[in-house]
Amino acid sequence: MSGQTTRTGKALYIKNLIKFHTSMKGLKLKDLMLKLHDEYNWKYNLQNLSNKLTRGSFSVVEFLEILEVLSCKLEITDKD
């Protein structure tokens, strides 16, 4: 994530990361939204999800749920 120092840059990076992994699983954002609704009872619609991704305004829990639905994991390591 080097070079992503602004809040907007970080939000764009995460949005693109989620969209990339969604498409790699053969899904569209609509499919992701339906899976989140089924597995985690998300109440958002597709436009809400798209807005949250664009703004980077989802919670850490929501982000982890997205990763779980995409069969991805979050790994934290030192920068060094």
PDB file of N, CA and C in Angstrom:
ATOM      1  N   MET A   1       0.834  -1.186   0.000  1.00  0.00           N
ATOM      2  CA  MET A   1       0.000   0.000   0.000  1.00  0.00           C
ATOM      3  C   MET A   1       0.872   1.242   0.000  1.00  0.00           C
ATOM      4  N   SER A   2       2.098   1.111  -0.404  1.00  0.00           N
ATOM      5  CA  SER A   2       2.985   2.266  -0.422  1.00  0.00           C
ATOM      6  C   SER A   2       2.443   3.332  -1.362  1.00  0.00           C
ATOM      7  N   GLY A   3       2.619   4.574  -0.985  1.00  0.00           N
ATOM      8  CA  GLY A   3       2.138   5.686  -1.780  1.00  0.00           C
ATOM      9  C   GLY A   3       0.702   6.084  -1.492  1.00  0.00           C
ATOM     10  N   GLN A   4      -0.015   5.277  -0.746  1.00  0.00           N
ATOM     11  CA  GLN A   4      -1.408   5.569  -0.432  1.00  0.00           C
ATOM     12  C   GLN A   4      -1.463   6.294   0.904  1.00  0.00           C
ATOM     13  N   THR A   5      -1.100   7.565   0.908  1.00  0.00           N
ATOM     14  CA  THR A   5      -0.998   8.283   2.174  1.00  0.00           C
ATOM     15  C   THR A   5      -2.241   9.073   2.525  1.00  0.00           C
ATOM     16  N   THR A   6      -3.031   9.446   1.538  1.00  0.00           N
ATOM     17  CA  THR A   6      -4.233  10.213   1.838  1.00  0.00           C
ATOM     18  C   THR A   6      -5.386   9.270   2.164  1.00  0.00           C
ATOM     19  N   ARG A   7      -6.345   9.784   2.864  1.00  0.00           N
ATOM     20  CA  ARG A   7      -7.534   8.986   3.199  1.00  0.00           C
ATOM     21  C   ARG A   7      -8.234   8.522   1.923  1.00  0.00           C
ATOM     22  N   THR A   8      -8.333   9.410   0.942  1.00  0.00           N
ATOM     23  CA  THR A   8      -8.966   9.067  -0.325  1.00  0.00           C
ATOM     24  C   THR A   8      -8.171   7.990  -1.057  1.00  0.00           C
ATOM     25  N   GLY A   9      -6.855   8.111  -1.027  1.00  0.00           N
ATOM     26  CA  GLY A   9      -6.004   7.114  -1.666  1.00  0.00           C
ATOM     27  C   GLY A   9      -6.141   5.751  -1.024  1.00  0.00           C
ATOM     28  N   LYS A  10      -6.230   5.720   0.289  1.00  0.00           N
ATOM     29  CA  LYS A  10      -6.395   4.460   1.013  1.00  0.00           C
ATOM     30  C   LYS A  10      -7.755   3.840   0.711  1.00  0.00           C
ATOM     31  N   ALA A  11      -8.796   4.676   0.666  1.00  0.00           N
ATOM     32  CA  ALA A  11     -10.146   4.179   0.358  1.00  0.00           C
ATOM     33  C   ALA A  11     -10.179   3.592  -1.049  1.00  0.00           C
ATOM     34  N   LEU A  12      -9.541   4.259  -1.995  1.00  0.00           N
ATOM     35  CA  LEU A  12      -9.497   3.774  -3.378  1.00  0.00           C
ATOM     36  C   LEU A  12      -8.734   2.459  -3.455  1.00  0.00           C
ATOM     37  N   TYR A  13      -7.648   2.351  -2.720  1.00  0.00           N
ATOM     38  CA  TYR A  13      -6.856   1.125  -2.692  1.00  0.00           C
ATOM     39  C   TYR A  13      -7.700  -0.048  -2.180  1.00  0.00           C
ATOM     40  N   ILE A  14      -8.403   0.158  -1.068  1.00  0.00           N
ATOM     41  CA  ILE A  14      -9.237  -0.904  -0.488  1.00  0.00           C
ATOM     42  C   ILE A  14     -10.389  -1.254  -1.426  1.00  0.00           C
ATOM     43  N   LYS A  15     -11.016  -0.240  -2.012  1.00  0.00           N
ATOM     44  CA  LYS A  15     -12.111  -0.480  -2.961  1.00  0.00           C
ATOM     45  C   LYS A  15     -11.624  -1.347  -4.116  1.00  0.00           C
ATOM     46  N   ASN A  16     -10.471  -0.988  -4.691  1.00  0.00           N
ATOM     47  CA  ASN A  16      -9.938  -1.753  -5.819  1.00  0.00           C
ATOM     48  C   ASN A  16      -9.527  -3.160  -5.399  1.00  0.00           C
ATOM     49  N   LEU A  17      -9.011  -3.294  -4.204  1.00  0.00           N
ATOM     50  CA  LEU A  17      -8.636  -4.604  -3.673  1.00  0.00           C
ATOM     51  C   LEU A  17      -9.862  -5.506  -3.544  1.00  0.00           C
ATOM     52  N   ILE A  18     -10.932  -4.973  -2.991  1.00  0.00           N
ATOM     53  CA  ILE A  18     -12.170  -5.739  -2.832  1.00  0.00           C
ATOM     54  C   ILE A  18     -12.765  -6.074  -4.197  1.00  0.00           C
ATOM     55  N   LYS A  19     -12.792  -5.105  -5.102  1.00  0.00           N
ATOM     56  CA  LYS A  19     -13.337  -5.356  -6.435  1.00  0.00           C
ATOM     57  C   LYS A  19     -12.508  -6.400  -7.177  1.00  0.00           C
ATOM     58  N   PHE A  20     -11.185  -6.349  -7.022  1.00  0.00           N
ATOM     59  CA  PHE A  20     -10.306  -7.322  -7.667  1.00  0.00           C
ATOM     60  C   PHE A  20     -10.608  -8.731  -7.165  1.00  0.00           C
ATOM     61  N   HIS A  21     -10.650  -8.890  -5.845  1.00  0.00           N
ATOM     62  CA  HIS A  21     -10.889 -10.223  -5.285  1.00  0.00           C
ATOM     63  C   HIS A  21     -12.308 -10.706  -5.567  1.00  0.00           C
ATOM     64  N   THR A  22     -13.249  -9.791  -5.640  1.00  0.00           N
ATOM     65  CA  THR A  22     -14.621 -10.156  -6.003  1.00  0.00           C
ATOM     66  C   THR A  22     -14.638 -10.720  -7.420  1.00  0.00           C
ATOM     67  N   SER A  23     -13.994 -10.026  -8.345  1.00  0.00           N
ATOM     68  CA  SER A  23     -13.987 -10.490  -9.738  1.00  0.00           C
ATOM     69  C   SER A  23     -13.173 -11.774  -9.903  1.00  0.00           C
ATOM     70  N   MET A  24     -12.100 -11.935  -9.118  1.00  0.00           N
ATOM     71  CA  MET A  24     -11.296 -13.161  -9.190  1.00  0.00           C
ATOM     72  C   MET A  24     -12.099 -14.382  -8.730  1.00  0.00           C
ATOM     73  N   LYS A  25     -13.106 -14.162  -7.908  1.00  0.00           N
ATOM     74  CA  LYS A  25     -13.981 -15.248  -7.460  1.00  0.00           C
ATOM     75  C   LYS A  25     -15.147 -15.455  -8.428  1.00  0.00           C
ATOM     76  N   GLY A  26     -15.143 -14.688  -9.526  1.00  0.00           N
ATOM     77  CA  GLY A  26     -16.217 -14.804 -10.511  1.00  0.00           C
ATOM     78  C   GLY A  26     -17.507 -14.147 -10.069  1.00  0.00           C
ATOM     79  N   LEU A  27     -17.394 -13.193  -9.155  1.00  0.00           N
ATOM     80  CA  LEU A  27     -18.567 -12.512  -8.617  1.00  0.00           C
ATOM     81  C   LEU A  27     -18.628 -11.067  -9.082  1.00  0.00           C
ATOM     82  N   LYS A  28     -19.810 -10.507  -9.002  1.00  0.00           N
ATOM     83  CA  LYS A  28     -20.014  -9.072  -9.182  1.00  0.00           C
ATOM     84  C   LYS A  28     -20.334  -8.499  -7.808  1.00  0.00           C
ATOM     85  N   LEU A  29     -20.286  -7.175  -7.699  1.00  0.00           N
ATOM     86  CA  LEU A  29     -20.598  -6.556  -6.408  1.00  0.00           C
ATOM     87  C   LEU A  29     -21.993  -6.955  -5.919  1.00  0.00           C
ATOM     88  N   LYS A  30     -22.916  -7.121  -6.859  1.00  0.00           N
ATOM     89  CA  LYS A  30     -24.272  -7.539  -6.476  1.00  0.00           C
ATOM     90  C   LYS A  30     -24.231  -8.911  -5.794  1.00  0.00           C
ATOM     91  N   ASP A  31     -23.425  -9.825  -6.343  1.00  0.00           N
ATOM     92  CA  ASP A  31     -23.288 -11.154  -5.740  1.00  0.00           C
ATOM     93  C   ASP A  31     -22.672 -11.054  -4.349  1.00  0.00           C
ATOM     94  N   LEU A  32     -21.655 -10.212  -4.222  1.00  0.00           N
ATOM     95  CA  LEU A  32     -21.024  -9.995  -2.917  1.00  0.00           C
ATOM     96  C   LEU A  32     -22.052  -9.482  -1.922  1.00  0.00           C
ATOM     97  N   MET A  33     -22.861  -8.527  -2.353  1.00  0.00           N
ATOM     98  CA  MET A  33     -23.879  -7.948  -1.481  1.00  0.00           C
ATOM     99  C   MET A  33     -24.872  -9.016  -1.026  1.00  0.00           C
ATOM    100  N   LEU A  34     -25.296  -9.870  -1.943  1.00  0.00           N
ATOM    101  CA  LEU A  34     -26.248 -10.936  -1.594  1.00  0.00           C
ATOM    102  C   LEU A  34     -25.634 -11.920  -0.608  1.00  0.00           C
ATOM    103  N   LYS A  35     -24.361 -12.266  -0.795  1.00  0.00           N
ATOM    104  CA  LYS A  35     -23.684 -13.169   0.132  1.00  0.00           C
ATOM    105  C   LYS A  35     -23.567 -12.533   1.521  1.00  0.00           C
ATOM    106  N   LEU A  36     -23.254 -11.246   1.560  1.00  0.00           N
ATOM    107  CA  LEU A  36     -23.158 -10.540   2.843  1.00  0.00           C
ATOM    108  C   LEU A  36     -24.515 -10.492   3.532  1.00  0.00           C
ATOM    109  N   HIS A  37     -25.549 -10.321   2.744  1.00  0.00           N
ATOM    110  CA  HIS A  37     -26.906 -10.321   3.312  1.00  0.00           C
ATOM    111  C   HIS A  37     -27.250 -11.702   3.877  1.00  0.00           C
ATOM    112  N   ASP A  38     -26.944 -12.742   3.110  1.00  0.00           N
ATOM    113  CA  ASP A  38     -27.279 -14.110   3.537  1.00  0.00           C
ATOM    114  C   ASP A  38     -26.458 -14.560   4.744  1.00  0.00           C
ATOM    115  N   GLU A  39     -25.159 -14.271   4.725  1.00  0.00           N
ATOM    116  CA  GLU A  39     -24.276 -14.792   5.773  1.00  0.00           C
ATOM    117  C   GLU A  39     -24.196 -13.901   7.013  1.00  0.00           C
ATOM    118  N   TYR A  40     -24.361 -12.592   6.829  1.00  0.00           N
ATOM    119  CA  TYR A  40     -24.185 -11.672   7.955  1.00  0.00           C
ATOM    120  C   TYR A  40     -25.372 -10.740   8.172  1.00  0.00           C
ATOM    121  N   ASN A  41     -26.459 -10.999   7.430  1.00  0.00           N
ATOM    122  CA  ASN A  41     -27.682 -10.216   7.581  1.00  0.00           C
ATOM    123  C   ASN A  41     -27.464  -8.722   7.329  1.00  0.00           C
ATOM    124  N   TRP A  42     -26.595  -8.419   6.354  1.00  0.00           N
ATOM    125  CA  TRP A  42     -26.391  -7.014   5.997  1.00  0.00           C
ATOM    126  C   TRP A  42     -27.698  -6.428   5.485  1.00  0.00           C
ATOM    127  N   LYS A  43     -27.985  -5.215   5.874  1.00  0.00           N
ATOM    128  CA  LYS A  43     -29.224  -4.549   5.474  1.00  0.00           C
ATOM    129  C   LYS A  43     -29.004  -3.559   4.329  1.00  0.00           C
ATOM    130  N   TYR A  44     -27.765  -3.442   3.864  1.00  0.00           N
ATOM    131  CA  TYR A  44     -27.453  -2.481   2.810  1.00  0.00           C
ATOM    132  C   TYR A  44     -27.917  -3.000   1.457  1.00  0.00           C
ATOM    133  N   ASN A  45     -28.122  -2.065   0.534  1.00  0.00           N
ATOM    134  CA  ASN A  45     -28.385  -2.456  -0.844  1.00  0.00           C
ATOM    135  C   ASN A  45     -27.100  -2.247  -1.655  1.00  0.00           C
ATOM    136  N   LEU A  46     -27.140  -2.549  -2.926  1.00  0.00           N
ATOM    137  CA  LEU A  46     -25.947  -2.463  -3.769  1.00  0.00           C
ATOM    138  C   LEU A  46     -25.385  -1.045  -3.804  1.00  0.00           C
ATOM    139  N   GLN A  47     -26.249  -0.051  -3.884  1.00  0.00           N
ATOM    140  CA  GLN A  47     -25.784   1.335  -3.923  1.00  0.00           C
ATOM    141  C   GLN A  47     -25.096   1.722  -2.616  1.00  0.00           C
ATOM    142  N   ASN A  48     -25.647   1.267  -1.484  1.00  0.00           N
ATOM    143  CA  ASN A  48     -25.008   1.538  -0.192  1.00  0.00           C
ATOM    144  C   ASN A  48     -23.613   0.936  -0.133  1.00  0.00           C
ATOM    145  N   LEU A  49     -23.479  -0.322  -0.595  1.00  0.00           N
ATOM    146  CA  LEU A  49     -22.169  -0.980  -0.586  1.00  0.00           C
ATOM    147  C   LEU A  49     -21.189  -0.231  -1.471  1.00  0.00           C
ATOM    148  N   SER A  50     -21.637   0.144  -2.650  1.00  0.00           N
ATOM    149  CA  SER A  50     -20.779   0.889  -3.569  1.00  0.00           C
ATOM    150  C   SER A  50     -20.335   2.213  -2.952  1.00  0.00           C
ATOM    151  N   ASN A  51     -21.250   2.912  -2.302  1.00  0.00           N
ATOM    152  CA  ASN A  51     -20.913   4.181  -1.645  1.00  0.00           C
ATOM    153  C   ASN A  51     -19.922   3.963  -0.507  1.00  0.00           C
ATOM    154  N   LYS A  52     -20.137   2.928   0.293  1.00  0.00           N
ATOM    155  CA  LYS A  52     -19.231   2.632   1.401  1.00  0.00           C
ATOM    156  C   LYS A  52     -17.832   2.321   0.878  1.00  0.00           C
ATOM    157  N   LEU A  53     -17.750   1.565  -0.217  1.00  0.00           N
ATOM    158  CA  LEU A  53     -16.447   1.261  -0.801  1.00  0.00           C
ATOM    159  C   LEU A  53     -15.767   2.520  -1.331  1.00  0.00           C
ATOM    160  N   THR A  54     -16.523   3.368  -1.984  1.00  0.00           N
ATOM    161  CA  THR A  54     -15.961   4.596  -2.543  1.00  0.00           C
ATOM    162  C   THR A  54     -15.456   5.527  -1.454  1.00  0.00           C
ATOM    163  N   ARG A  55     -16.222   5.657  -0.382  1.00  0.00           N
ATOM    164  CA  ARG A  55     -15.839   6.548   0.715  1.00  0.00           C
ATOM    165  C   ARG A  55     -14.869   5.893   1.690  1.00  0.00           C
ATOM    166  N   GLY A  56     -14.800   4.565   1.661  1.00  0.00           N
ATOM    167  CA  GLY A  56     -13.989   3.854   2.648  1.00  0.00           C
ATOM    168  C   GLY A  56     -14.599   3.969   4.030  1.00  0.00           C
ATOM    169  N   SER A  57     -15.924   3.962   4.086  1.00  0.00           N
ATOM    170  CA  SER A  57     -16.608   4.255   5.350  1.00  0.00           C
ATOM    171  C   SER A  57     -17.203   3.028   6.024  1.00  0.00           C
ATOM    172  N   PHE A  58     -16.742   1.832   5.666  1.00  0.00           N
ATOM    173  CA  PHE A  58     -17.253   0.656   6.355  1.00  0.00           C
ATOM    174  C   PHE A  58     -16.424   0.396   7.608  1.00  0.00           C
ATOM    175  N   SER A  59     -17.017  -0.320   8.535  1.00  0.00           N
ATOM    176  CA  SER A  59     -16.334  -0.605   9.802  1.00  0.00           C
ATOM    177  C   SER A  59     -15.311  -1.721   9.605  1.00  0.00           C
ATOM    178  N   VAL A  60     -14.465  -1.902  10.584  1.00  0.00           N
ATOM    179  CA  VAL A  60     -13.496  -2.994  10.552  1.00  0.00           C
ATOM    180  C   VAL A  60     -14.231  -4.327  10.502  1.00  0.00           C
ATOM    181  N   VAL A  61     -15.299  -4.454  11.267  1.00  0.00           N
ATOM    182  CA  VAL A  61     -16.087  -5.695  11.267  1.00  0.00           C
ATOM    183  C   VAL A  61     -16.665  -5.941   9.871  1.00  0.00           C
ATOM    184  N   GLU A  62     -17.203  -4.914   9.242  1.00  0.00           N
ATOM    185  CA  GLU A  62     -17.751  -5.071   7.890  1.00  0.00           C
ATOM    186  C   GLU A  62     -16.654  -5.485   6.913  1.00  0.00           C
ATOM    187  N   PHE A  63     -15.484  -4.882   7.042  1.00  0.00           N
ATOM    188  CA  PHE A  63     -14.358  -5.234   6.177  1.00  0.00           C
ATOM    189  C   PHE A  63     -13.978  -6.709   6.365  1.00  0.00           C
ATOM    190  N   LEU A  64     -13.925  -7.160   7.610  1.00  0.00           N
ATOM    191  CA  LEU A  64     -13.589  -8.563   7.884  1.00  0.00           C
ATOM    192  C   LEU A  64     -14.668  -9.504   7.351  1.00  0.00           C
ATOM    193  N   GLU A  65     -15.929  -9.091   7.416  1.00  0.00           N
ATOM    194  CA  GLU A  65     -17.012  -9.900   6.848  1.00  0.00           C
ATOM    195  C   GLU A  65     -16.891  -9.997   5.334  1.00  0.00           C
ATOM    196  N   ILE A  66     -16.527  -8.900   4.698  1.00  0.00           N
ATOM    197  CA  ILE A  66     -16.295  -8.916   3.249  1.00  0.00           C
ATOM    198  C   ILE A  66     -15.180  -9.894   2.914  1.00  0.00           C
ATOM    199  N   LEU A  67     -14.073  -9.812   3.666  1.00  0.00           N
ATOM    200  CA  LEU A  67     -12.957 -10.729   3.427  1.00  0.00           C
ATOM    201  C   LEU A  67     -13.383 -12.178   3.620  1.00  0.00           C
ATOM    202  N   GLU A  68     -14.171 -12.435   4.657  1.00  0.00           N
ATOM    203  CA  GLU A  68     -14.634 -13.795   4.936  1.00  0.00           C
ATOM    204  C   GLU A  68     -15.481 -14.335   3.785  1.00  0.00           C
ATOM    205  N   VAL A  69     -16.399 -13.526   3.288  1.00  0.00           N
ATOM    206  CA  VAL A  69     -17.261 -13.938   2.179  1.00  0.00           C
ATOM    207  C   VAL A  69     -16.426 -14.224   0.932  1.00  0.00           C
ATOM    208  N   LEU A  70     -15.345 -13.477   0.760  1.00  0.00           N
ATOM    209  CA  LEU A  70     -14.473 -13.669  -0.400  1.00  0.00           C
ATOM    210  C   LEU A  70     -13.414 -14.748  -0.164  1.00  0.00           C
ATOM    211  N   SER A  71     -13.473 -15.399   0.997  1.00  0.00           N
ATOM    212  CA  SER A  71     -12.480 -16.424   1.369  1.00  0.00           C
ATOM    213  C   SER A  71     -11.065 -15.855   1.353  1.00  0.00           C
ATOM    214  N   CYS A  72     -10.940 -14.640   1.855  1.00  0.00           N
ATOM    215  CA  CYS A  72      -9.648 -13.973   1.981  1.00  0.00           C
ATOM    216  C   CYS A  72      -9.345 -13.800   3.456  1.00  0.00           C
ATOM    217  N   LYS A  73      -8.091 -13.513   3.758  1.00  0.00           N
ATOM    218  CA  LYS A  73      -7.745 -13.255   5.153  1.00  0.00           C
ATOM    219  C   LYS A  73      -6.908 -11.988   5.238  1.00  0.00           C
ATOM    220  N   LEU A  74      -6.936 -11.393   6.391  1.00  0.00           N
ATOM    221  CA  LEU A  74      -6.152 -10.203   6.672  1.00  0.00           C
ATOM    222  C   LEU A  74      -4.906 -10.642   7.416  1.00  0.00           C
ATOM    223  N   GLU A  75      -3.760 -10.250   6.911  1.00  0.00           N
ATOM    224  CA  GLU A  75      -2.505 -10.600   7.543  1.00  0.00           C
ATOM    225  C   GLU A  75      -1.752  -9.301   7.852  1.00  0.00           C
ATOM    226  N   ILE A  76      -1.387  -9.126   9.107  1.00  0.00           N
ATOM    227  CA  ILE A  76      -0.677  -7.917   9.515  1.00  0.00           C
ATOM    228  C   ILE A  76       0.765  -8.286   9.793  1.00  0.00           C
ATOM    229  N   THR A  77       1.658  -7.572   9.129  1.00  0.00           N
ATOM    230  CA  THR A  77       3.078  -7.798   9.334  1.00  0.00           C
ATOM    231  C   THR A  77       3.788  -6.466   9.537  1.00  0.00           C
ATOM    232  N   ASP A  78       4.988  -6.515  10.071  1.00  0.00           N
ATOM    233  CA  ASP A  78       5.786  -5.303  10.227  1.00  0.00           C
ATOM    234  C   ASP A  78       6.182  -4.756   8.857  1.00  0.00           C
ATOM    235  N   LYS A  79       6.329  -3.461   8.746  1.00  0.00           N
ATOM    236  CA  LYS A  79       6.737  -2.825   7.497  1.00  0.00           C
ATOM    237  C   LYS A  79       8.146  -3.210   7.088  1.00  0.00           C
ATOM    238  N   ASP A  80       8.981  -3.495   8.047  1.00  0.00           N
ATOM    239  CA  ASP A  80      10.388  -3.790   7.736  1.00  0.00           C
ATOM    240  C   ASP A  80      10.486  -5.028   6.959  1.00  0.00           C
TER     241      ASP A  80
END
